Amino acid sequence: MRPLAGSYLPEFFHEDHSLPKPSWSKDMRLLFDQFMKKCEDGSWIHLPSYNYTLFQRSQDISAFIHAYLPTASKLINEEKLLQAKIFTRNFEDGLGFEYVMFYNDVEKRVVCVFEGGPYLQGMPGCLHGGAIATMIDATVGTSAMIAEGIVMTANLNINFKRPVPLCSVVLINSQLDKIEGRKLFISCNVQSVDEKTLYTEATSLFIKLDPEKQV
């Protein structure tokens, strides 16, 4: 058990959810193994994923909010915030968002291997568009954070080409296109495992947060 603001976080909060689980499909595990092989020479980096934010103490959370979100700080219940968990990591294994991300520094790319579970259904037999949008935002957001630190989504344009079959594995490929001052432009697509089917395309704009700017 590790302390957080006078209380304690269960050990599962510190579990790396990007590591293989019994609930992973064969395709999910195969792609994980393939990318881990690429990590051996340092060209790719496996990105761990947890059920909580980087801010583990109440003073850390409070300092962050007042520094980067001063105009919104009065609307945020900091006591409730201590109970917050990462949205995509709050389903039982195999039922919701199952994913793992890898980063290539030379190419400025983040690739997410994603499998949407049965609790993410939209149209019968298909993944909900909002679930796809969530994972696109998480993937391009990871690209932006690696490049510039603390950022916020300013714009996300998504073109849905084809429905994603429920419980199938897809690749979400993000590419940092350019940086202009505090603006980061990142493109993204969602493809089938064999890369023959394009499900979704997206472009995004992120803004690097500045404590001197009011948000």
N, C-alpha and C. Protein backbone atom coordinates (compact mmCIF):
# COMPACT_ATOMS: atom_id res chain seq x y z
N MET A 1 0.84 -1.19 0.00
CA MET A 1 0.00 0.00 0.00
C MET A 1 0.88 1.25 0.00
N ARG A 2 0.47 2.25 -0.80
CA ARG A 2 1.24 3.48 -0.88
C ARG A 2 0.35 4.66 -0.49
N PRO A 3 0.90 5.64 0.24
CA PRO A 3 0.08 6.73 0.75
C PRO A 3 -0.35 7.72 -0.32
N LEU A 4 -1.56 8.25 -0.17
CA LEU A 4 -2.06 9.33 -1.02
C LEU A 4 -2.95 10.21 -0.16
N ALA A 5 -2.44 11.39 0.17
CA ALA A 5 -3.21 12.39 0.91
C ALA A 5 -3.82 11.82 2.19
N GLY A 6 -3.05 11.08 2.94
CA GLY A 6 -3.53 10.59 4.22
C GLY A 6 -4.29 9.28 4.12
N SER A 7 -4.69 8.88 2.91
CA SER A 7 -5.37 7.60 2.73
C SER A 7 -4.43 6.68 1.96
N TYR A 8 -4.95 5.59 1.45
CA TYR A 8 -4.09 4.64 0.75
C TYR A 8 -4.71 4.20 -0.56
N LEU A 9 -3.86 3.96 -1.52
CA LEU A 9 -4.29 3.43 -2.80
C LEU A 9 -4.07 1.93 -2.83
N PRO A 10 -5.07 1.17 -3.29
CA PRO A 10 -4.86 -0.27 -3.43
C PRO A 10 -3.74 -0.55 -4.41
N GLU A 11 -3.13 -1.70 -4.26
CA GLU A 11 -2.00 -2.04 -5.13
C GLU A 11 -2.40 -2.07 -6.60
N PHE A 12 -3.69 -2.40 -6.90
CA PHE A 12 -4.05 -2.50 -8.31
C PHE A 12 -3.99 -1.15 -9.01
N PHE A 13 -3.98 -0.04 -8.25
CA PHE A 13 -3.82 1.28 -8.85
C PHE A 13 -2.44 1.40 -9.49
N HIS A 14 -1.49 0.62 -8.99
CA HIS A 14 -0.11 0.71 -9.47
C HIS A 14 0.22 -0.39 -10.46
N GLU A 15 -0.79 -1.14 -10.85
CA GLU A 15 -0.60 -2.19 -11.85
C GLU A 15 -0.47 -1.58 -13.23
N ASP A 16 0.49 -2.04 -14.00
CA ASP A 16 0.66 -1.58 -15.37
C ASP A 16 -0.35 -2.31 -16.24
N HIS A 17 -1.40 -1.60 -16.67
CA HIS A 17 -2.48 -2.22 -17.43
C HIS A 17 -2.12 -2.42 -18.90
N SER A 18 -0.93 -2.00 -19.30
CA SER A 18 -0.52 -2.20 -20.69
C SER A 18 0.20 -3.53 -20.89
N LEU A 19 0.28 -4.33 -19.85
CA LEU A 19 0.92 -5.64 -19.95
C LEU A 19 -0.13 -6.73 -20.23
N PRO A 20 0.28 -7.83 -20.85
CA PRO A 20 -0.68 -8.87 -21.25
C PRO A 20 -1.55 -9.36 -20.09
N LYS A 21 -2.83 -9.62 -20.44
CA LYS A 21 -3.80 -10.15 -19.49
C LYS A 21 -4.46 -11.39 -20.09
N PRO A 22 -5.04 -12.25 -19.26
CA PRO A 22 -5.74 -13.43 -19.79
C PRO A 22 -6.88 -13.05 -20.73
N SER A 23 -7.44 -11.85 -20.55
CA SER A 23 -8.58 -11.42 -21.37
C SER A 23 -8.16 -10.97 -22.78
N TRP A 24 -6.86 -10.76 -22.99
CA TRP A 24 -6.41 -10.32 -24.32
C TRP A 24 -6.65 -11.40 -25.35
N SER A 25 -7.03 -10.97 -26.56
CA SER A 25 -7.21 -11.91 -27.65
C SER A 25 -5.85 -12.32 -28.21
N LYS A 26 -5.88 -13.33 -29.07
CA LYS A 26 -4.65 -13.81 -29.69
C LYS A 26 -3.99 -12.71 -30.51
N ASP A 27 -4.79 -11.94 -31.28
CA ASP A 27 -4.24 -10.85 -32.09
C ASP A 27 -3.61 -9.78 -31.23
N MET A 28 -4.25 -9.45 -30.12
CA MET A 28 -3.73 -8.43 -29.20
C MET A 28 -2.37 -8.86 -28.65
N ARG A 29 -2.29 -10.08 -28.22
CA ARG A 29 -1.04 -10.59 -27.64
C ARG A 29 0.05 -10.68 -28.71
N LEU A 30 -0.32 -11.10 -29.92
CA LEU A 30 0.66 -11.23 -31.00
C LEU A 30 1.27 -9.88 -31.35
N LEU A 31 0.43 -8.85 -31.46
CA LEU A 31 0.94 -7.52 -31.78
C LEU A 31 1.79 -6.96 -30.65
N PHE A 32 1.39 -7.23 -29.42
CA PHE A 32 2.19 -6.81 -28.27
C PHE A 32 3.59 -7.41 -28.36
N ASP A 33 3.65 -8.70 -28.62
CA ASP A 33 4.94 -9.39 -28.71
C ASP A 33 5.78 -8.84 -29.86
N GLN A 34 5.14 -8.52 -30.98
CA GLN A 34 5.87 -7.98 -32.13
C GLN A 34 6.48 -6.63 -31.81
N PHE A 35 5.71 -5.76 -31.14
CA PHE A 35 6.24 -4.45 -30.80
C PHE A 35 7.29 -4.53 -29.70
N MET A 36 7.12 -5.44 -28.76
CA MET A 36 8.14 -5.61 -27.72
C MET A 36 9.45 -6.06 -28.34
N LYS A 37 9.36 -6.85 -29.40
CA LYS A 37 10.57 -7.27 -30.11
C LYS A 37 11.27 -6.06 -30.72
N LYS A 38 10.46 -5.12 -31.25
CA LYS A 38 11.02 -3.90 -31.83
C LYS A 38 11.67 -3.02 -30.76
N CYS A 39 11.20 -3.17 -29.53
CA CYS A 39 11.75 -2.36 -28.44
C CYS A 39 13.16 -2.80 -28.03
N GLU A 40 13.53 -4.00 -28.41
CA GLU A 40 14.81 -4.54 -27.98
C GLU A 40 16.00 -3.75 -28.50
N ASP A 41 15.87 -3.15 -29.70
CA ASP A 41 16.99 -2.37 -30.23
C ASP A 41 16.85 -0.88 -29.92
N GLY A 42 15.83 -0.52 -29.15
CA GLY A 42 15.65 0.87 -28.75
C GLY A 42 14.93 1.74 -29.74
N SER A 43 14.52 1.19 -30.88
CA SER A 43 13.82 2.00 -31.88
C SER A 43 12.40 2.34 -31.43
N TRP A 44 11.81 1.46 -30.64
CA TRP A 44 10.48 1.71 -30.08
C TRP A 44 10.54 1.60 -28.56
N ILE A 45 9.63 2.30 -27.90
CA ILE A 45 9.55 2.29 -26.44
C ILE A 45 8.13 1.89 -26.03
N HIS A 46 8.05 0.93 -25.13
CA HIS A 46 6.75 0.52 -24.57
C HIS A 46 6.33 1.54 -23.52
N LEU A 47 5.10 2.04 -23.63
CA LEU A 47 4.60 3.05 -22.69
C LEU A 47 3.68 2.40 -21.66
N PRO A 48 4.05 2.41 -20.39
CA PRO A 48 3.19 1.82 -19.35
C PRO A 48 1.92 2.64 -19.17
N SER A 49 0.90 2.05 -18.57
CA SER A 49 -0.37 2.73 -18.38
C SER A 49 -0.97 2.31 -17.04
N TYR A 50 -1.38 3.31 -16.26
CA TYR A 50 -1.89 3.04 -14.92
C TYR A 50 -3.31 3.57 -14.75
N ASN A 51 -3.86 3.31 -13.57
CA ASN A 51 -5.25 3.66 -13.30
C ASN A 51 -5.38 4.99 -12.57
N TYR A 52 -4.29 5.74 -12.47
CA TYR A 52 -4.32 7.00 -11.75
C TYR A 52 -3.39 7.99 -12.45
N THR A 53 -3.48 9.25 -12.10
CA THR A 53 -2.65 10.28 -12.72
C THR A 53 -1.26 10.31 -12.09
N LEU A 54 -0.41 11.16 -12.63
CA LEU A 54 0.94 11.30 -12.11
C LEU A 54 0.95 12.00 -10.75
N PHE A 55 -0.17 12.66 -10.43
CA PHE A 55 -0.21 13.44 -9.20
C PHE A 55 -0.72 12.56 -8.07
N GLN A 56 0.15 12.20 -7.14
CA GLN A 56 -0.19 11.23 -6.12
C GLN A 56 -0.53 11.86 -4.77
N ARG A 57 -0.24 13.14 -4.60
CA ARG A 57 -0.50 13.77 -3.32
C ARG A 57 -1.46 14.94 -3.50
N SER A 58 -2.23 15.25 -2.47
CA SER A 58 -3.23 16.31 -2.58
C SER A 58 -2.60 17.65 -2.92
N GLN A 59 -1.40 17.92 -2.38
CA GLN A 59 -0.75 19.19 -2.67
C GLN A 59 -0.30 19.27 -4.13
N ASP A 60 0.07 18.09 -4.71
CA ASP A 60 0.44 18.07 -6.12
C ASP A 60 -0.75 18.42 -7.00
N ILE A 61 -1.90 17.80 -6.71
CA ILE A 61 -3.12 18.05 -7.47
C ILE A 61 -3.53 19.51 -7.35
N SER A 62 -3.53 20.02 -6.13
CA SER A 62 -3.93 21.40 -5.90
C SER A 62 -3.01 22.37 -6.62
N ALA A 63 -1.71 22.13 -6.57
CA ALA A 63 -0.75 23.01 -7.23
C ALA A 63 -0.94 22.99 -8.73
N PHE A 64 -1.20 21.82 -9.28
CA PHE A 64 -1.41 21.70 -10.73
C PHE A 64 -2.65 22.48 -11.15
N ILE A 65 -3.75 22.29 -10.46
CA ILE A 65 -5.01 22.96 -10.83
C ILE A 65 -4.86 24.47 -10.77
N HIS A 66 -4.28 24.97 -9.70
CA HIS A 66 -4.16 26.43 -9.55
C HIS A 66 -3.15 27.03 -10.51
N ALA A 67 -2.18 26.23 -10.94
CA ALA A 67 -1.18 26.73 -11.89
C ALA A 67 -1.70 26.74 -13.32
N TYR A 68 -2.38 25.64 -13.71
CA TYR A 68 -2.75 25.48 -15.11
C TYR A 68 -4.24 25.71 -15.39
N LEU A 69 -5.08 25.59 -14.37
CA LEU A 69 -6.52 25.78 -14.57
C LEU A 69 -7.09 26.76 -13.54
N PRO A 70 -6.51 27.94 -13.41
CA PRO A 70 -6.91 28.86 -12.34
C PRO A 70 -8.37 29.29 -12.42
N THR A 71 -8.88 29.53 -13.62
CA THR A 71 -10.27 29.99 -13.74
C THR A 71 -11.27 28.88 -13.48
N ALA A 72 -10.82 27.63 -13.60
CA ALA A 72 -11.72 26.49 -13.37
C ALA A 72 -11.56 25.91 -11.97
N SER A 73 -10.55 26.35 -11.24
CA SER A 73 -10.23 25.72 -9.96
C SER A 73 -11.37 25.81 -8.96
N LYS A 74 -12.16 26.89 -9.00
CA LYS A 74 -13.24 27.04 -8.03
C LYS A 74 -14.40 26.08 -8.31
N LEU A 75 -14.42 25.50 -9.50
CA LEU A 75 -15.50 24.58 -9.86
C LEU A 75 -15.11 23.13 -9.62
N ILE A 76 -13.86 22.89 -9.25
CA ILE A 76 -13.37 21.53 -9.08
C ILE A 76 -13.34 21.15 -7.61
N ASN A 77 -13.98 20.04 -7.30
CA ASN A 77 -13.98 19.51 -5.94
C ASN A 77 -12.72 18.69 -5.74
N GLU A 78 -11.75 19.27 -5.04
CA GLU A 78 -10.45 18.60 -4.91
C GLU A 78 -10.54 17.33 -4.09
N GLU A 79 -11.50 17.26 -3.14
CA GLU A 79 -11.65 16.04 -2.36
C GLU A 79 -12.12 14.90 -3.26
N LYS A 80 -13.08 15.18 -4.14
CA LYS A 80 -13.54 14.16 -5.09
C LYS A 80 -12.43 13.81 -6.08
N LEU A 81 -11.62 14.79 -6.42
CA LEU A 81 -10.55 14.57 -7.39
C LEU A 81 -9.56 13.52 -6.91
N LEU A 82 -9.40 13.43 -5.60
CA LEU A 82 -8.48 12.43 -5.05
C LEU A 82 -8.97 11.00 -5.31
N GLN A 83 -10.27 10.87 -5.61
CA GLN A 83 -10.84 9.55 -5.88
C GLN A 83 -10.84 9.24 -7.38
N ALA A 84 -10.38 10.19 -8.19
CA ALA A 84 -10.48 10.05 -9.64
C ALA A 84 -9.58 8.94 -10.18
N LYS A 85 -10.04 8.32 -11.24
CA LYS A 85 -9.29 7.29 -11.95
C LYS A 85 -9.29 7.63 -13.44
N ILE A 86 -8.37 7.05 -14.18
CA ILE A 86 -8.31 7.26 -15.61
C ILE A 86 -9.52 6.60 -16.27
N PHE A 87 -10.26 7.35 -17.09
CA PHE A 87 -11.51 6.89 -17.68
C PHE A 87 -11.36 5.56 -18.41
N THR A 88 -10.33 5.43 -19.23
CA THR A 88 -10.19 4.24 -20.06
C THR A 88 -9.71 3.01 -19.30
N ARG A 89 -9.40 3.17 -18.01
CA ARG A 89 -8.92 2.04 -17.22
C ARG A 89 -9.90 1.64 -16.12
N ASN A 90 -11.21 1.86 -16.36
CA ASN A 90 -12.18 1.61 -15.31
C ASN A 90 -13.21 0.56 -15.66
N PHE A 91 -12.87 -0.30 -16.61
CA PHE A 91 -13.73 -1.45 -16.92
C PHE A 91 -13.02 -2.72 -16.47
N GLU A 92 -13.82 -3.74 -16.18
CA GLU A 92 -13.20 -5.03 -15.86
C GLU A 92 -12.46 -5.55 -17.08
N ASP A 93 -11.43 -6.33 -16.83
CA ASP A 93 -10.59 -6.84 -17.92
C ASP A 93 -11.43 -7.49 -19.01
N GLY A 94 -11.17 -7.05 -20.25
CA GLY A 94 -11.82 -7.65 -21.40
C GLY A 94 -13.17 -7.07 -21.77
N LEU A 95 -13.73 -6.18 -20.93
CA LEU A 95 -15.07 -5.66 -21.19
C LEU A 95 -15.09 -4.29 -21.84
N GLY A 96 -14.03 -3.51 -21.65
CA GLY A 96 -14.02 -2.15 -22.15
C GLY A 96 -12.83 -1.84 -23.02
N PHE A 97 -12.01 -0.91 -22.54
CA PHE A 97 -10.84 -0.47 -23.30
C PHE A 97 -9.62 -1.33 -22.94
N GLU A 98 -9.17 -2.11 -23.88
CA GLU A 98 -7.91 -2.85 -23.71
C GLU A 98 -6.93 -2.28 -24.73
N TYR A 99 -5.81 -1.77 -24.25
CA TYR A 99 -4.87 -1.14 -25.19
C TYR A 99 -3.47 -1.07 -24.61
N VAL A 100 -2.53 -0.92 -25.54
CA VAL A 100 -1.13 -0.73 -25.17
C VAL A 100 -0.52 0.19 -26.23
N MET A 101 0.34 1.11 -25.81
CA MET A 101 0.94 2.08 -26.72
C MET A 101 2.45 1.92 -26.79
N PHE A 102 2.97 2.23 -27.97
CA PHE A 102 4.42 2.20 -28.21
C PHE A 102 4.82 3.49 -28.92
N TYR A 103 6.03 3.98 -28.61
CA TYR A 103 6.50 5.27 -29.14
C TYR A 103 7.81 5.11 -29.89
N ASN A 104 7.89 5.77 -31.05
CA ASN A 104 9.11 5.82 -31.84
C ASN A 104 9.58 7.26 -31.89
N ASP A 105 10.71 7.54 -31.25
CA ASP A 105 11.18 8.92 -31.13
C ASP A 105 11.69 9.49 -32.46
N VAL A 106 12.33 8.66 -33.26
CA VAL A 106 12.86 9.13 -34.54
C VAL A 106 11.72 9.54 -35.47
N GLU A 107 10.68 8.73 -35.52
CA GLU A 107 9.56 8.99 -36.42
C GLU A 107 8.50 9.88 -35.78
N LYS A 108 8.63 10.15 -34.47
CA LYS A 108 7.64 10.94 -33.73
C LYS A 108 6.25 10.33 -33.86
N ARG A 109 6.19 9.03 -33.66
CA ARG A 109 4.96 8.28 -33.80
C ARG A 109 4.59 7.58 -32.51
N VAL A 110 3.29 7.50 -32.26
CA VAL A 110 2.75 6.63 -31.22
C VAL A 110 1.77 5.68 -31.88
N VAL A 111 1.94 4.40 -31.64
CA VAL A 111 1.02 3.39 -32.15
C VAL A 111 0.31 2.75 -30.96
N CYS A 112 -1.00 2.69 -31.05
CA CYS A 112 -1.81 2.08 -30.00
C CYS A 112 -2.45 0.80 -30.55
N VAL A 113 -2.23 -0.30 -29.87
CA VAL A 113 -2.92 -1.55 -30.19
C VAL A 113 -4.15 -1.58 -29.29
N PHE A 114 -5.33 -1.58 -29.92
CA PHE A 114 -6.58 -1.38 -29.16
C PHE A 114 -7.61 -2.44 -29.49
N GLU A 115 -8.23 -2.95 -28.44
CA GLU A 115 -9.34 -3.89 -28.59
C GLU A 115 -10.51 -3.38 -27.75
N GLY A 116 -11.63 -3.08 -28.41
CA GLY A 116 -12.81 -2.58 -27.71
C GLY A 116 -13.72 -3.70 -27.29
N GLY A 117 -13.95 -3.84 -25.98
CA GLY A 117 -14.74 -4.93 -25.44
C GLY A 117 -16.24 -4.77 -25.63
N PRO A 118 -17.04 -5.76 -25.21
CA PRO A 118 -18.49 -5.78 -25.43
C PRO A 118 -19.26 -4.64 -24.75
N TYR A 119 -18.67 -4.02 -23.73
CA TYR A 119 -19.37 -2.91 -23.07
C TYR A 119 -19.25 -1.60 -23.85
N LEU A 120 -18.54 -1.62 -24.97
CA LEU A 120 -18.35 -0.42 -25.78
C LEU A 120 -19.17 -0.46 -27.07
N GLN A 121 -20.21 -1.24 -27.08
CA GLN A 121 -21.03 -1.39 -28.29
C GLN A 121 -21.83 -0.13 -28.59
N GLY A 122 -21.93 0.18 -29.87
CA GLY A 122 -22.82 1.24 -30.35
C GLY A 122 -23.90 0.57 -31.17
N MET A 123 -23.81 0.68 -32.51
CA MET A 123 -24.68 -0.09 -33.38
C MET A 123 -24.41 -1.57 -33.12
N PRO A 124 -25.43 -2.43 -33.12
CA PRO A 124 -25.22 -3.84 -32.80
C PRO A 124 -24.05 -4.45 -33.56
N GLY A 125 -23.13 -5.03 -32.80
CA GLY A 125 -21.97 -5.69 -33.39
C GLY A 125 -20.82 -4.76 -33.72
N CYS A 126 -20.99 -3.46 -33.43
CA CYS A 126 -19.95 -2.48 -33.78
C CYS A 126 -19.53 -1.66 -32.57
N LEU A 127 -18.31 -1.21 -32.62
CA LEU A 127 -17.78 -0.36 -31.57
C LEU A 127 -18.44 1.02 -31.64
N HIS A 128 -18.78 1.58 -30.50
CA HIS A 128 -19.38 2.91 -30.44
C HIS A 128 -18.39 3.96 -30.96
N GLY A 129 -18.88 4.90 -31.77
CA GLY A 129 -18.00 5.94 -32.30
C GLY A 129 -17.33 6.75 -31.21
N GLY A 130 -18.03 6.94 -30.10
CA GLY A 130 -17.44 7.69 -28.99
C GLY A 130 -16.26 6.96 -28.36
N ALA A 131 -16.32 5.63 -28.38
CA ALA A 131 -15.21 4.84 -27.84
C ALA A 131 -13.99 4.97 -28.74
N ILE A 132 -14.23 4.98 -30.06
CA ILE A 132 -13.12 5.17 -31.00
C ILE A 132 -12.52 6.56 -30.81
N ALA A 133 -13.40 7.57 -30.69
CA ALA A 133 -12.93 8.94 -30.50
C ALA A 133 -12.11 9.06 -29.21
N THR A 134 -12.55 8.38 -28.16
CA THR A 134 -11.82 8.40 -26.90
C THR A 134 -10.40 7.88 -27.07
N MET A 135 -10.26 6.75 -27.77
CA MET A 135 -8.94 6.17 -27.93
C MET A 135 -8.08 6.96 -28.91
N ILE A 136 -8.69 7.58 -29.90
CA ILE A 136 -7.93 8.47 -30.78
C ILE A 136 -7.38 9.64 -29.97
N ASP A 137 -8.24 10.24 -29.15
CA ASP A 137 -7.81 11.37 -28.33
C ASP A 137 -6.70 10.96 -27.36
N ALA A 138 -6.83 9.76 -26.79
CA ALA A 138 -5.80 9.27 -25.87
C ALA A 138 -4.47 9.05 -26.58
N THR A 139 -4.54 8.56 -27.82
CA THR A 139 -3.31 8.26 -28.56
C THR A 139 -2.62 9.53 -29.03
N VAL A 140 -3.37 10.43 -29.69
CA VAL A 140 -2.75 11.68 -30.15
C VAL A 140 -2.35 12.54 -28.96
N GLY A 141 -3.11 12.45 -27.87
CA GLY A 141 -2.74 13.19 -26.67
C GLY A 141 -1.43 12.71 -26.08
N THR A 142 -1.21 11.41 -26.14
CA THR A 142 0.07 10.86 -25.68
C THR A 142 1.21 11.39 -26.54
N SER A 143 0.99 11.45 -27.85
CA SER A 143 2.01 12.02 -28.75
C SER A 143 2.34 13.45 -28.36
N ALA A 144 1.29 14.23 -28.09
CA ALA A 144 1.48 15.64 -27.73
C ALA A 144 2.21 15.79 -26.40
N MET A 145 1.84 14.97 -25.42
CA MET A 145 2.48 15.08 -24.10
C MET A 145 3.95 14.68 -24.14
N ILE A 146 4.26 13.66 -24.93
CA ILE A 146 5.66 13.27 -25.07
C ILE A 146 6.47 14.41 -25.69
N ALA A 147 5.86 15.11 -26.65
CA ALA A 147 6.58 16.17 -27.35
C ALA A 147 6.73 17.44 -26.52
N GLU A 148 5.66 17.83 -25.80
CA GLU A 148 5.68 19.16 -25.17
C GLU A 148 5.24 19.20 -23.71
N GLY A 149 4.97 18.06 -23.11
CA GLY A 149 4.60 18.07 -21.69
C GLY A 149 3.10 18.22 -21.49
N ILE A 150 2.69 19.17 -20.65
CA ILE A 150 1.29 19.33 -20.29
C ILE A 150 0.54 20.04 -21.40
N VAL A 151 -0.44 19.35 -21.99
CA VAL A 151 -1.19 19.87 -23.13
C VAL A 151 -2.69 19.67 -22.92
N MET A 152 -3.46 20.30 -23.79
CA MET A 152 -4.91 20.13 -23.76
C MET A 152 -5.42 20.04 -25.19
N THR A 153 -6.41 19.16 -25.41
CA THR A 153 -7.01 19.05 -26.74
C THR A 153 -7.76 20.33 -27.07
N ALA A 154 -7.43 20.95 -28.20
CA ALA A 154 -8.15 22.14 -28.65
C ALA A 154 -9.13 21.80 -29.77
N ASN A 155 -8.76 20.84 -30.60
CA ASN A 155 -9.62 20.47 -31.72
C ASN A 155 -9.33 19.03 -32.12
N LEU A 156 -10.39 18.29 -32.42
CA LEU A 156 -10.25 16.91 -32.86
C LEU A 156 -11.28 16.66 -33.96
N ASN A 157 -10.80 16.47 -35.18
CA ASN A 157 -11.67 16.20 -36.33
C ASN A 157 -11.55 14.74 -36.72
N ILE A 158 -12.69 14.05 -36.75
CA ILE A 158 -12.68 12.62 -37.02
C ILE A 158 -13.58 12.30 -38.21
N ASN A 159 -13.06 11.54 -39.15
CA ASN A 159 -13.84 11.03 -40.27
C ASN A 159 -13.97 9.53 -40.12
N PHE A 160 -15.20 9.07 -39.87
CA PHE A 160 -15.45 7.64 -39.73
C PHE A 160 -15.69 7.04 -41.12
N LYS A 161 -14.82 6.16 -41.53
CA LYS A 161 -14.89 5.55 -42.85
C LYS A 161 -15.73 4.27 -42.86
N ARG A 162 -15.47 3.41 -41.87
CA ARG A 162 -16.16 2.13 -41.77
C ARG A 162 -16.36 1.81 -40.29
N PRO A 163 -17.42 1.06 -39.96
CA PRO A 163 -17.61 0.67 -38.56
C PRO A 163 -16.55 -0.33 -38.12
N VAL A 164 -16.13 -0.22 -36.89
CA VAL A 164 -15.15 -1.15 -36.33
C VAL A 164 -15.90 -2.30 -35.66
N PRO A 165 -15.66 -3.54 -36.08
CA PRO A 165 -16.34 -4.69 -35.45
C PRO A 165 -16.04 -4.75 -33.96
N LEU A 166 -17.06 -4.99 -33.18
CA LEU A 166 -16.91 -5.08 -31.73
C LEU A 166 -15.95 -6.22 -31.37
N CYS A 167 -15.08 -5.96 -30.42
CA CYS A 167 -14.11 -6.93 -29.90
C CYS A 167 -13.00 -7.28 -30.89
N SER A 168 -12.89 -6.50 -31.98
CA SER A 168 -11.77 -6.71 -32.89
C SER A 168 -10.57 -5.88 -32.44
N VAL A 169 -9.39 -6.23 -32.92
CA VAL A 169 -8.17 -5.49 -32.60
C VAL A 169 -7.84 -4.55 -33.76
N VAL A 170 -7.53 -3.32 -33.44
CA VAL A 170 -7.15 -2.34 -34.46
C VAL A 170 -5.86 -1.65 -34.06
N LEU A 171 -5.22 -1.03 -35.04
CA LEU A 171 -4.03 -0.22 -34.80
C LEU A 171 -4.39 1.25 -34.95
N ILE A 172 -4.08 2.04 -33.94
CA ILE A 172 -4.28 3.48 -34.00
C ILE A 172 -2.90 4.11 -34.17
N ASN A 173 -2.67 4.70 -35.34
CA ASN A 173 -1.36 5.26 -35.67
C ASN A 173 -1.42 6.78 -35.61
N SER A 174 -0.62 7.37 -34.77
CA SER A 174 -0.58 8.83 -34.66
C SER A 174 0.79 9.36 -35.09
N GLN A 175 0.78 10.54 -35.69
CA GLN A 175 2.00 11.14 -36.23
C GLN A 175 2.04 12.62 -35.86
N LEU A 176 3.10 13.05 -35.18
CA LEU A 176 3.28 14.47 -34.90
C LEU A 176 3.72 15.15 -36.19
N ASP A 177 2.86 16.03 -36.74
CA ASP A 177 3.13 16.66 -38.03
C ASP A 177 3.97 17.93 -37.91
N LYS A 178 3.61 18.79 -36.96
CA LYS A 178 4.38 20.01 -36.79
C LYS A 178 4.04 20.68 -35.46
N ILE A 179 4.95 21.55 -35.04
CA ILE A 179 4.76 22.36 -33.83
C ILE A 179 4.93 23.82 -34.21
N GLU A 180 3.95 24.63 -33.86
CA GLU A 180 4.03 26.07 -34.10
C GLU A 180 3.79 26.79 -32.79
N GLY A 181 4.86 27.22 -32.15
CA GLY A 181 4.71 27.87 -30.85
C GLY A 181 4.16 26.89 -29.83
N ARG A 182 2.99 27.21 -29.26
CA ARG A 182 2.34 26.33 -28.29
C ARG A 182 1.38 25.35 -28.96
N LYS A 183 1.27 25.39 -30.28
CA LYS A 183 0.33 24.53 -31.01
C LYS A 183 1.03 23.28 -31.54
N LEU A 184 0.38 22.13 -31.34
CA LEU A 184 0.89 20.87 -31.87
C LEU A 184 -0.17 20.27 -32.79
N PHE A 185 0.23 19.93 -34.01
CA PHE A 185 -0.68 19.36 -34.99
C PHE A 185 -0.33 17.88 -35.16
N ILE A 186 -1.31 17.03 -34.92
CA ILE A 186 -1.09 15.59 -34.95
C ILE A 186 -2.18 14.91 -35.77
N SER A 187 -1.77 14.03 -36.68
CA SER A 187 -2.73 13.28 -37.49
C SER A 187 -2.79 11.84 -37.00
N CYS A 188 -3.83 11.13 -37.41
CA CYS A 188 -4.06 9.80 -36.87
C CYS A 188 -4.95 9.00 -37.81
N ASN A 189 -4.77 7.68 -37.81
CA ASN A 189 -5.71 6.81 -38.50
C ASN A 189 -5.90 5.52 -37.71
N VAL A 190 -7.03 4.88 -37.97
CA VAL A 190 -7.35 3.61 -37.32
C VAL A 190 -7.46 2.55 -38.41
N GLN A 191 -6.65 1.50 -38.30
CA GLN A 191 -6.60 0.47 -39.33
C GLN A 191 -6.78 -0.92 -38.74
N SER A 192 -7.12 -1.85 -39.62
CA SER A 192 -7.19 -3.25 -39.21
C SER A 192 -5.77 -3.76 -38.95
N VAL A 193 -5.68 -4.90 -38.31
CA VAL A 193 -4.38 -5.47 -37.96
C VAL A 193 -3.52 -5.71 -39.19
N ASP A 194 -4.15 -6.14 -40.30
CA ASP A 194 -3.38 -6.38 -41.52
C ASP A 194 -3.15 -5.10 -42.32
N GLU A 195 -3.66 -3.97 -41.79
CA GLU A 195 -3.50 -2.64 -42.38
C GLU A 195 -4.15 -2.52 -43.77
N LYS A 196 -5.08 -3.43 -44.08
CA LYS A 196 -5.77 -3.38 -45.37
C LYS A 196 -7.08 -2.60 -45.30
N THR A 197 -7.61 -2.43 -44.10
CA THR A 197 -8.88 -1.73 -43.92
C THR A 197 -8.67 -0.46 -43.12
N LEU A 198 -9.07 0.68 -43.68
CA LEU A 198 -9.00 1.96 -42.98
C LEU A 198 -10.37 2.24 -42.37
N TYR A 199 -10.43 2.30 -41.05
CA TYR A 199 -11.69 2.54 -40.34
C TYR A 199 -11.96 4.03 -40.10
N THR A 200 -10.90 4.74 -39.73
CA THR A 200 -11.09 6.12 -39.29
C THR A 200 -9.84 6.94 -39.58
N GLU A 201 -10.04 8.21 -39.90
CA GLU A 201 -8.95 9.18 -40.02
C GLU A 201 -9.25 10.37 -39.14
N ALA A 202 -8.21 10.99 -38.61
CA ALA A 202 -8.42 12.13 -37.72
C ALA A 202 -7.25 13.10 -37.77
N THR A 203 -7.55 14.35 -37.51
CA THR A 203 -6.52 15.37 -37.30
C THR A 203 -6.82 16.06 -35.97
N SER A 204 -5.78 16.54 -35.33
CA SER A 204 -5.98 17.15 -34.01
C SER A 204 -5.05 18.34 -33.81
N LEU A 205 -5.50 19.21 -32.93
CA LEU A 205 -4.70 20.36 -32.50
C LEU A 205 -4.64 20.35 -30.98
N PHE A 206 -3.42 20.38 -30.45
CA PHE A 206 -3.23 20.45 -29.01
C PHE A 206 -2.52 21.75 -28.68
N ILE A 207 -2.81 22.27 -27.50
CA ILE A 207 -2.18 23.49 -27.02
C ILE A 207 -1.35 23.18 -25.77
N LYS A 208 -0.10 23.56 -25.79
CA LYS A 208 0.73 23.40 -24.61
C LYS A 208 0.28 24.40 -23.56
N LEU A 209 -0.03 23.89 -22.37
CA LEU A 209 -0.52 24.76 -21.31
C LEU A 209 0.62 25.58 -20.71
N ASP A 210 0.30 26.81 -20.41
CA ASP A 210 1.26 27.75 -19.85
C ASP A 210 0.68 28.31 -18.56
N PRO A 211 1.37 28.15 -17.41
CA PRO A 211 0.85 28.67 -16.15
C PRO A 211 0.54 30.18 -16.20
N GLU A 212 1.16 30.89 -17.13
CA GLU A 212 0.94 32.34 -17.25
C GLU A 212 -0.35 32.66 -18.01
N LYS A 213 -0.90 31.64 -18.71
CA LYS A 213 -2.12 31.84 -19.47
C LYS A 213 -3.30 31.34 -18.66
N GLN A 214 -4.41 32.05 -18.70
CA GLN A 214 -5.61 31.67 -17.98
C GLN A 214 -6.39 30.63 -18.76
N VAL A 215 -6.75 29.52 -18.10
CA VAL A 215 -7.54 28.47 -18.74
C VAL A 215 -8.80 28.24 -17.92
